[in-house]
PDB file of all heavy atoms in Angstrom:
ATOM      1  N   THR A   1     -11.557  -0.981  -1.376  1.00  0.00           N
ATOM      2  CA  THR A   1     -11.061  -0.776  -0.018  1.00  0.00           C
ATOM      3  C   THR A   1     -11.401  -1.967   0.875  1.00  0.00           C
ATOM      4  O   THR A   1     -12.307  -2.757   0.569  1.00  0.00           O
ATOM      5  CB  THR A   1     -11.678   0.484   0.608  1.00  0.00           C
ATOM      6  OG1 THR A   1     -13.096   0.288   0.716  1.00  0.00           O
ATOM      7  CG2 THR A   1     -11.379   1.720  -0.232  1.00  0.00           C
ATOM      8  N   GLU A   2     -10.686  -2.061   1.976  1.00  0.00           N
ATOM      9  CA  GLU A   2     -11.016  -3.081   2.969  1.00  0.00           C
ATOM     10  C   GLU A   2     -12.420  -2.829   3.511  1.00  0.00           C
ATOM     11  O   GLU A   2     -13.161  -3.772   3.773  1.00  0.00           O
ATOM     12  CB  GLU A   2      -9.990  -3.083   4.097  1.00  0.00           C
ATOM     13  CG  GLU A   2      -8.627  -3.589   3.667  1.00  0.00           C
ATOM     14  CD  GLU A   2      -7.652  -3.662   4.816  1.00  0.00           C
ATOM     15  OE1 GLU A   2      -8.051  -4.065   5.923  1.00  0.00           O
ATOM     16  OE2 GLU A   2      -6.484  -3.308   4.600  1.00  0.00           O
ATOM     17  N   TYR A   3     -12.779  -1.572   3.679  1.00  0.00           N
ATOM     18  CA  TYR A   3     -14.116  -1.205   4.136  1.00  0.00           C
ATOM     19  C   TYR A   3     -15.173  -1.807   3.211  1.00  0.00           C
ATOM     20  O   TYR A   3     -16.156  -2.394   3.664  1.00  0.00           O
ATOM     21  CB  TYR A   3     -14.236   0.321   4.173  1.00  0.00           C
ATOM     22  CG  TYR A   3     -15.570   0.817   4.693  1.00  0.00           C
ATOM     23  CD1 TYR A   3     -15.756   1.066   6.045  1.00  0.00           C
ATOM     24  CD2 TYR A   3     -16.643   1.038   3.828  1.00  0.00           C
ATOM     25  CE1 TYR A   3     -16.974   1.523   6.533  1.00  0.00           C
ATOM     26  CE2 TYR A   3     -17.858   1.489   4.303  1.00  0.00           C
ATOM     27  CZ  TYR A   3     -18.025   1.727   5.654  1.00  0.00           C
ATOM     28  OH  TYR A   3     -19.226   2.166   6.131  1.00  0.00           O
ATOM     29  N   SER A   4     -14.961  -1.693   1.911  1.00  0.00           N
ATOM     30  CA  SER A   4     -15.881  -2.240   0.928  1.00  0.00           C
ATOM     31  C   SER A   4     -15.957  -3.765   1.029  1.00  0.00           C
ATOM     32  O   SER A   4     -17.039  -4.348   0.935  1.00  0.00           O
ATOM     33  CB  SER A   4     -15.447  -1.829  -0.481  1.00  0.00           C
ATOM     34  OG  SER A   4     -16.260  -2.434  -1.456  1.00  0.00           O
ATOM     35  N   LEU A   5     -14.811  -4.414   1.224  1.00  0.00           N
ATOM     36  CA  LEU A   5     -14.811  -5.872   1.362  1.00  0.00           C
ATOM     37  C   LEU A   5     -15.652  -6.299   2.563  1.00  0.00           C
ATOM     38  O   LEU A   5     -16.392  -7.280   2.493  1.00  0.00           O
ATOM     39  CB  LEU A   5     -13.385  -6.409   1.504  1.00  0.00           C
ATOM     40  CG  LEU A   5     -12.513  -6.368   0.263  1.00  0.00           C
ATOM     41  CD1 LEU A   5     -11.101  -6.846   0.600  1.00  0.00           C
ATOM     42  CD2 LEU A   5     -13.105  -7.220  -0.856  1.00  0.00           C
ATOM     43  N   ILE A   6     -15.548  -5.543   3.649  1.00  0.00           N
ATOM     44  CA  ILE A   6     -16.269  -5.892   4.872  1.00  0.00           C
ATOM     45  C   ILE A   6     -17.762  -5.591   4.737  1.00  0.00           C
ATOM     46  O   ILE A   6     -18.595  -6.465   4.968  1.00  0.00           O
ATOM     47  CB  ILE A   6     -15.676  -5.139   6.084  1.00  0.00           C
ATOM     48  CG1 ILE A   6     -14.241  -5.595   6.341  1.00  0.00           C
ATOM     49  CG2 ILE A   6     -16.549  -5.333   7.327  1.00  0.00           C
ATOM     50  CD1 ILE A   6     -13.458  -4.702   7.293  1.00  0.00           C
ATOM     51  N   PHE A   7     -18.096  -4.362   4.363  1.00  0.00           N
ATOM     52  CA  PHE A   7     -19.490  -3.932   4.428  1.00  0.00           C
ATOM     53  C   PHE A   7     -20.293  -4.174   3.152  1.00  0.00           C
ATOM     54  O   PHE A   7     -21.511  -4.300   3.224  1.00  0.00           O
ATOM     55  CB  PHE A   7     -19.569  -2.468   4.857  1.00  0.00           C
ATOM     56  CG  PHE A   7     -19.106  -2.265   6.262  1.00  0.00           C
ATOM     57  CD1 PHE A   7     -17.849  -1.749   6.521  1.00  0.00           C
ATOM     58  CD2 PHE A   7     -19.897  -2.641   7.335  1.00  0.00           C
ATOM     59  CE1 PHE A   7     -17.401  -1.586   7.832  1.00  0.00           C
ATOM     60  CE2 PHE A   7     -19.467  -2.494   8.637  1.00  0.00           C
ATOM     61  CZ  PHE A   7     -18.207  -1.965   8.888  1.00  0.00           C
ATOM     62  N   LYS A   8     -19.655  -4.248   2.021  1.00  0.00           N
ATOM     63  CA  LYS A   8     -20.378  -4.504   0.778  1.00  0.00           C
ATOM     64  C   LYS A   8     -20.372  -5.981   0.394  1.00  0.00           C
ATOM     65  O   LYS A   8     -21.362  -6.508  -0.092  1.00  0.00           O
ATOM     66  CB  LYS A   8     -19.775  -3.674  -0.359  1.00  0.00           C
ATOM     67  CG  LYS A   8     -20.491  -3.835  -1.673  1.00  0.00           C
ATOM     68  CD  LYS A   8     -19.900  -2.969  -2.761  1.00  0.00           C
ATOM     69  CE  LYS A   8     -20.627  -3.209  -4.077  1.00  0.00           C
ATOM     70  NZ  LYS A   8     -19.965  -2.514  -5.184  1.00  0.00           N
ATOM     71  N   HIS A   9     -19.230  -6.642   0.655  1.00  0.00           N
ATOM     72  CA  HIS A   9     -19.070  -8.024   0.195  1.00  0.00           C
ATOM     73  C   HIS A   9     -19.128  -9.055   1.316  1.00  0.00           C
ATOM     74  O   HIS A   9     -19.089 -10.254   1.051  1.00  0.00           O
ATOM     75  CB  HIS A   9     -17.761  -8.170  -0.581  1.00  0.00           C
ATOM     76  CG  HIS A   9     -17.703  -7.311  -1.803  1.00  0.00           C
ATOM     77  ND1 HIS A   9     -18.405  -7.598  -2.951  1.00  0.00           N
ATOM     78  CD2 HIS A   9     -17.051  -6.148  -2.049  1.00  0.00           C
ATOM     79  CE1 HIS A   9     -18.171  -6.669  -3.858  1.00  0.00           C
ATOM     80  NE2 HIS A   9     -17.355  -5.767  -3.335  1.00  0.00           N
ATOM     81  N   GLY A  10     -19.200  -8.610   2.567  1.00  0.00           N
ATOM     82  CA  GLY A  10     -19.375  -9.533   3.686  1.00  0.00           C
ATOM     83  C   GLY A  10     -18.142 -10.304   4.118  1.00  0.00           C
ATOM     84  O   GLY A  10     -18.247 -11.331   4.786  1.00  0.00           O
ATOM     85  N   ILE A  11     -16.956  -9.821   3.758  1.00  0.00           N
ATOM     86  CA  ILE A  11     -15.722 -10.468   4.228  1.00  0.00           C
ATOM     87  C   ILE A  11     -15.526 -10.061   5.695  1.00  0.00           C
ATOM     88  O   ILE A  11     -15.519  -8.868   6.014  1.00  0.00           O
ATOM     89  CB  ILE A  11     -14.506 -10.035   3.376  1.00  0.00           C
ATOM     90  CG1 ILE A  11     -14.683 -10.436   1.910  1.00  0.00           C
ATOM     91  CG2 ILE A  11     -13.201 -10.590   3.953  1.00  0.00           C
ATOM     92  CD1 ILE A  11     -14.737 -11.916   1.645  1.00  0.00           C
ATOM     93  N   PRO A  12     -15.377 -11.020   6.590  1.00  0.00           N
ATOM     94  CA  PRO A  12     -15.213 -10.672   8.007  1.00  0.00           C
ATOM     95  C   PRO A  12     -13.955  -9.833   8.255  1.00  0.00           C
ATOM     96  O   PRO A  12     -12.886 -10.104   7.690  1.00  0.00           O
ATOM     97  CB  PRO A  12     -15.094 -12.030   8.702  1.00  0.00           C
ATOM     98  CG  PRO A  12     -15.727 -13.001   7.753  1.00  0.00           C
ATOM     99  CD  PRO A  12     -15.437 -12.469   6.378  1.00  0.00           C
ATOM    100  N   ALA A  13     -14.085  -8.842   9.111  1.00  0.00           N
ATOM    101  CA  ALA A  13     -12.946  -7.990   9.462  1.00  0.00           C
ATOM    102  C   ALA A  13     -11.815  -8.835  10.049  1.00  0.00           C
ATOM    103  O   ALA A  13     -10.634  -8.549   9.827  1.00  0.00           O
ATOM    104  CB  ALA A  13     -13.378  -6.916  10.450  1.00  0.00           C
ATOM    105  N   ASN A  14     -12.176  -9.886  10.768  1.00  0.00           N
ATOM    106  CA  ASN A  14     -11.171 -10.771  11.357  1.00  0.00           C
ATOM    107  C   ASN A  14     -10.313 -11.426  10.274  1.00  0.00           C
ATOM    108  O   ASN A  14      -9.122 -11.640  10.468  1.00  0.00           O
ATOM    109  CB  ASN A  14     -11.852 -11.838  12.222  1.00  0.00           C
ATOM    110  CG  ASN A  14     -10.839 -12.725  12.909  1.00  0.00           C
ATOM    111  OD1 ASN A  14      -9.882 -12.248  13.497  1.00  0.00           O
ATOM    112  ND2 ASN A  14     -11.063 -14.024  12.828  1.00  0.00           N
ATOM    113  N   THR A  15     -10.905 -11.731   9.128  1.00  0.00           N
ATOM    114  CA  THR A  15     -10.151 -12.334   8.028  1.00  0.00           C
ATOM    115  C   THR A  15      -9.091 -11.353   7.529  1.00  0.00           C
ATOM    116  O   THR A  15      -7.934 -11.733   7.318  1.00  0.00           O
ATOM    117  CB  THR A  15     -11.091 -12.720   6.866  1.00  0.00           C
ATOM    118  OG1 THR A  15     -11.982 -13.732   7.334  1.00  0.00           O
ATOM    119  CG2 THR A  15     -10.310 -13.233   5.676  1.00  0.00           C
ATOM    120  N   LEU A  16      -9.454 -10.103   7.352  1.00  0.00           N
ATOM    121  CA  LEU A  16      -8.494  -9.103   6.894  1.00  0.00           C
ATOM    122  C   LEU A  16      -7.412  -8.875   7.949  1.00  0.00           C
ATOM    123  O   LEU A  16      -6.241  -8.676   7.611  1.00  0.00           O
ATOM    124  CB  LEU A  16      -9.214  -7.800   6.548  1.00  0.00           C
ATOM    125  CG  LEU A  16     -10.227  -7.921   5.407  1.00  0.00           C
ATOM    126  CD1 LEU A  16     -10.926  -6.595   5.172  1.00  0.00           C
ATOM    127  CD2 LEU A  16      -9.581  -8.427   4.139  1.00  0.00           C
ATOM    128  N   HIS A  17      -7.803  -8.931   9.215  1.00  0.00           N
ATOM    129  CA  HIS A  17      -6.831  -8.810  10.307  1.00  0.00           C
ATOM    130  C   HIS A  17      -5.821  -9.958  10.239  1.00  0.00           C
ATOM    131  O   HIS A  17      -4.610  -9.740  10.369  1.00  0.00           O
ATOM    132  CB  HIS A  17      -7.554  -8.808  11.659  1.00  0.00           C
ATOM    133  CG  HIS A  17      -6.637  -8.792  12.831  1.00  0.00           C
ATOM    134  ND1 HIS A  17      -6.028  -7.646  13.293  1.00  0.00           N
ATOM    135  CD2 HIS A  17      -6.201  -9.803  13.618  1.00  0.00           C
ATOM    136  CE1 HIS A  17      -5.267  -7.953  14.326  1.00  0.00           C
ATOM    137  NE2 HIS A  17      -5.355  -9.256  14.537  1.00  0.00           N
ATOM    138  N   ARG A  18      -6.318 -11.166  10.005  1.00  0.00           N
ATOM    139  CA  ARG A  18      -5.443 -12.337   9.911  1.00  0.00           C
ATOM    140  C   ARG A  18      -4.474 -12.183   8.742  1.00  0.00           C
ATOM    141  O   ARG A  18      -3.293 -12.504   8.861  1.00  0.00           O
ATOM    142  CB  ARG A  18      -6.259 -13.614   9.767  1.00  0.00           C
ATOM    143  CG  ARG A  18      -7.096 -13.953  11.003  1.00  0.00           C
ATOM    144  CD  ARG A  18      -7.966 -15.186  10.802  1.00  0.00           C
ATOM    145  NE  ARG A  18      -7.159 -16.364  10.544  1.00  0.00           N
ATOM    146  CZ  ARG A  18      -6.496 -17.054  11.476  1.00  0.00           C
ATOM    147  NH1 ARG A  18      -6.557 -16.667  12.726  1.00  0.00           N
ATOM    148  NH2 ARG A  18      -5.796 -18.112  11.161  1.00  0.00           N
ATOM    149  N   MET A  19      -4.975 -11.693   7.631  1.00  0.00           N
ATOM    150  CA  MET A  19      -4.120 -11.509   6.459  1.00  0.00           C
ATOM    151  C   MET A  19      -3.043 -10.468   6.730  1.00  0.00           C
ATOM    152  O   MET A  19      -1.888 -10.642   6.333  1.00  0.00           O
ATOM    153  CB  MET A  19      -4.966 -11.120   5.248  1.00  0.00           C
ATOM    154  CG  MET A  19      -5.871 -12.255   4.775  1.00  0.00           C
ATOM    155  SD  MET A  19      -6.993 -11.766   3.470  1.00  0.00           S
ATOM    156  CE  MET A  19      -5.861 -11.729   2.066  1.00  0.00           C
ATOM    157  N   LYS A  20      -3.394  -9.385   7.408  1.00  0.00           N
ATOM    158  CA  LYS A  20      -2.415  -8.340   7.730  1.00  0.00           C
ATOM    159  C   LYS A  20      -1.283  -8.885   8.580  1.00  0.00           C
ATOM    160  O   LYS A  20      -0.164  -8.394   8.533  1.00  0.00           O
ATOM    161  CB  LYS A  20      -3.080  -7.188   8.479  1.00  0.00           C
ATOM    162  CG  LYS A  20      -3.754  -6.202   7.597  1.00  0.00           C
ATOM    163  CD  LYS A  20      -4.252  -5.029   8.396  1.00  0.00           C
ATOM    164  CE  LYS A  20      -4.980  -4.074   7.481  1.00  0.00           C
ATOM    165  NZ  LYS A  20      -5.571  -2.964   8.213  1.00  0.00           N
ATOM    166  N   HIS A  21      -1.599  -9.896   9.368  1.00  0.00           N
ATOM    167  CA  HIS A  21      -0.604 -10.470  10.267  1.00  0.00           C
ATOM    168  C   HIS A  21      -0.011 -11.773   9.731  1.00  0.00           C
ATOM    169  O   HIS A  21       0.636 -12.513  10.467  1.00  0.00           O
ATOM    170  CB  HIS A  21      -1.215 -10.666  11.653  1.00  0.00           C
ATOM    171  CG  HIS A  21      -1.491  -9.368  12.328  1.00  0.00           C
ATOM    172  ND1 HIS A  21      -2.680  -8.677  12.166  1.00  0.00           N
ATOM    173  CD2 HIS A  21      -0.718  -8.585  13.116  1.00  0.00           C
ATOM    174  CE1 HIS A  21      -2.618  -7.555  12.850  1.00  0.00           C
ATOM    175  NE2 HIS A  21      -1.444  -7.468  13.431  1.00  0.00           N
ATOM    176  N   GLY A  22      -0.259 -12.065   8.456  1.00  0.00           N
ATOM    177  CA  GLY A  22       0.344 -13.231   7.819  1.00  0.00           C
ATOM    178  C   GLY A  22      -0.176 -14.567   8.314  1.00  0.00           C
ATOM    179  O   GLY A  22       0.503 -15.585   8.190  1.00  0.00           O
ATOM    180  N   GLU A  23      -1.368 -14.568   8.856  1.00  0.00           N
ATOM    181  CA  GLU A  23      -1.951 -15.806   9.377  1.00  0.00           C
ATOM    182  C   GLU A  23      -2.770 -16.507   8.293  1.00  0.00           C
ATOM    183  O   GLU A  23      -3.089 -15.925   7.258  1.00  0.00           O
ATOM    184  CB  GLU A  23      -2.816 -15.495  10.589  1.00  0.00           C
ATOM    185  CG  GLU A  23      -2.017 -14.901  11.742  1.00  0.00           C
ATOM    186  CD  GLU A  23      -2.876 -14.492  12.911  1.00  0.00           C
ATOM    187  OE1 GLU A  23      -4.085 -14.818  12.930  1.00  0.00           O
ATOM    188  OE2 GLU A  23      -2.345 -13.825  13.818  1.00  0.00           O
ATOM    189  N   ALA A  24      -3.138 -17.726   8.547  1.00  0.00           N
ATOM    190  CA  ALA A  24      -3.848 -18.554   7.573  1.00  0.00           C
ATOM    191  C   ALA A  24      -5.287 -18.089   7.345  1.00  0.00           C
ATOM    192  O   ALA A  24      -5.939 -17.579   8.256  1.00  0.00           O
ATOM    193  CB  ALA A  24      -3.857 -20.008   8.048  1.00  0.00           C
ATOM    194  N   ILE A  25      -5.741 -18.270   6.116  1.00  0.00           N
ATOM    195  CA  ILE A  25      -7.158 -18.098   5.775  1.00  0.00           C
ATOM    196  C   ILE A  25      -7.600 -19.376   5.079  1.00  0.00           C
ATOM    197  O   ILE A  25      -6.767 -20.162   4.625  1.00  0.00           O
ATOM    198  CB  ILE A  25      -7.406 -16.859   4.881  1.00  0.00           C
ATOM    199  CG1 ILE A  25      -6.680 -16.979   3.538  1.00  0.00           C
ATOM    200  CG2 ILE A  25      -7.016 -15.592   5.607  1.00  0.00           C
ATOM    201  CD1 ILE A  25      -7.056 -15.897   2.528  1.00  0.00           C
ATOM    202  N   THR A  26      -8.887 -19.590   4.985  1.00  0.00           N
ATOM    203  CA  THR A  26      -9.383 -20.821   4.369  1.00  0.00           C
ATOM    204  C   THR A  26      -9.370 -20.708   2.844  1.00  0.00           C
ATOM    205  O   THR A  26      -9.359 -19.607   2.282  1.00  0.00           O
ATOM    206  CB  THR A  26     -10.834 -21.126   4.815  1.00  0.00           C
ATOM    207  OG1 THR A  26     -11.695 -20.115   4.293  1.00  0.00           O
ATOM    208  CG2 THR A  26     -10.940 -21.199   6.336  1.00  0.00           C
ATOM    209  N   THR A  27      -9.397 -21.859   2.203  1.00  0.00           N
ATOM    210  CA  THR A  27      -9.473 -21.861   0.742  1.00  0.00           C
ATOM    211  C   THR A  27     -10.829 -21.319   0.287  1.00  0.00           C
ATOM    212  O   THR A  27     -10.924 -20.724  -0.787  1.00  0.00           O
ATOM    213  CB  THR A  27      -9.235 -23.261   0.155  1.00  0.00           C
ATOM    214  OG1 THR A  27     -10.108 -24.193   0.776  1.00  0.00           O
ATOM    215  CG2 THR A  27      -7.790 -23.687   0.357  1.00  0.00           C
ATOM    216  N   LYS A  28     -11.854 -21.477   1.106  1.00  0.00           N
ATOM    217  CA  LYS A  28     -13.160 -20.898   0.774  1.00  0.00           C
ATOM    218  C   LYS A  28     -13.058 -19.377   0.727  1.00  0.00           C
ATOM    219  O   LYS A  28     -13.569 -18.732  -0.191  1.00  0.00           O
ATOM    220  CB  LYS A  28     -14.205 -21.328   1.805  1.00  0.00           C
ATOM    221  CG  LYS A  28     -15.571 -20.747   1.524  1.00  0.00           C
ATOM    222  CD  LYS A  28     -16.588 -21.148   2.569  1.00  0.00           C
ATOM    223  CE  LYS A  28     -17.904 -20.470   2.220  1.00  0.00           C
ATOM    224  NZ  LYS A  28     -18.842 -20.461   3.297  1.00  0.00           N
ATOM    225  N   THR A  29     -12.387 -18.783   1.700  1.00  0.00           N
ATOM    226  CA  THR A  29     -12.194 -17.335   1.726  1.00  0.00           C
ATOM    227  C   THR A  29     -11.345 -16.898   0.541  1.00  0.00           C
ATOM    228  O   THR A  29     -11.640 -15.891  -0.104  1.00  0.00           O
ATOM    229  CB  THR A  29     -11.526 -16.903   3.046  1.00  0.00           C
ATOM    230  OG1 THR A  29     -12.384 -17.255   4.130  1.00  0.00           O
ATOM    231  CG2 THR A  29     -11.260 -15.418   3.068  1.00  0.00           C
ATOM    232  N   LEU A  30     -10.320 -17.664   0.245  1.00  0.00           N
ATOM    233  CA  LEU A  30      -9.472 -17.363  -0.901  1.00  0.00           C
ATOM    234  C   LEU A  30     -10.297 -17.369  -2.189  1.00  0.00           C
ATOM    235  O   LEU A  30     -10.186 -16.460  -3.016  1.00  0.00           O
ATOM    236  CB  LEU A  30      -8.342 -18.384  -0.973  1.00  0.00           C
ATOM    237  CG  LEU A  30      -7.255 -18.171  -1.997  1.00  0.00           C
ATOM    238  CD1 LEU A  30      -6.605 -16.812  -1.852  1.00  0.00           C
ATOM    239  CD2 LEU A  30      -6.219 -19.269  -1.870  1.00  0.00           C
TER     240      LEU A  30
END
């Protein structure tokens, strides 16, 4: 889940928000 990515794996919620809206993410995040 996105919840797991945020709270278990430390992916910023803003990154998932950007992805939902088709915005750029860094290659490090990728």
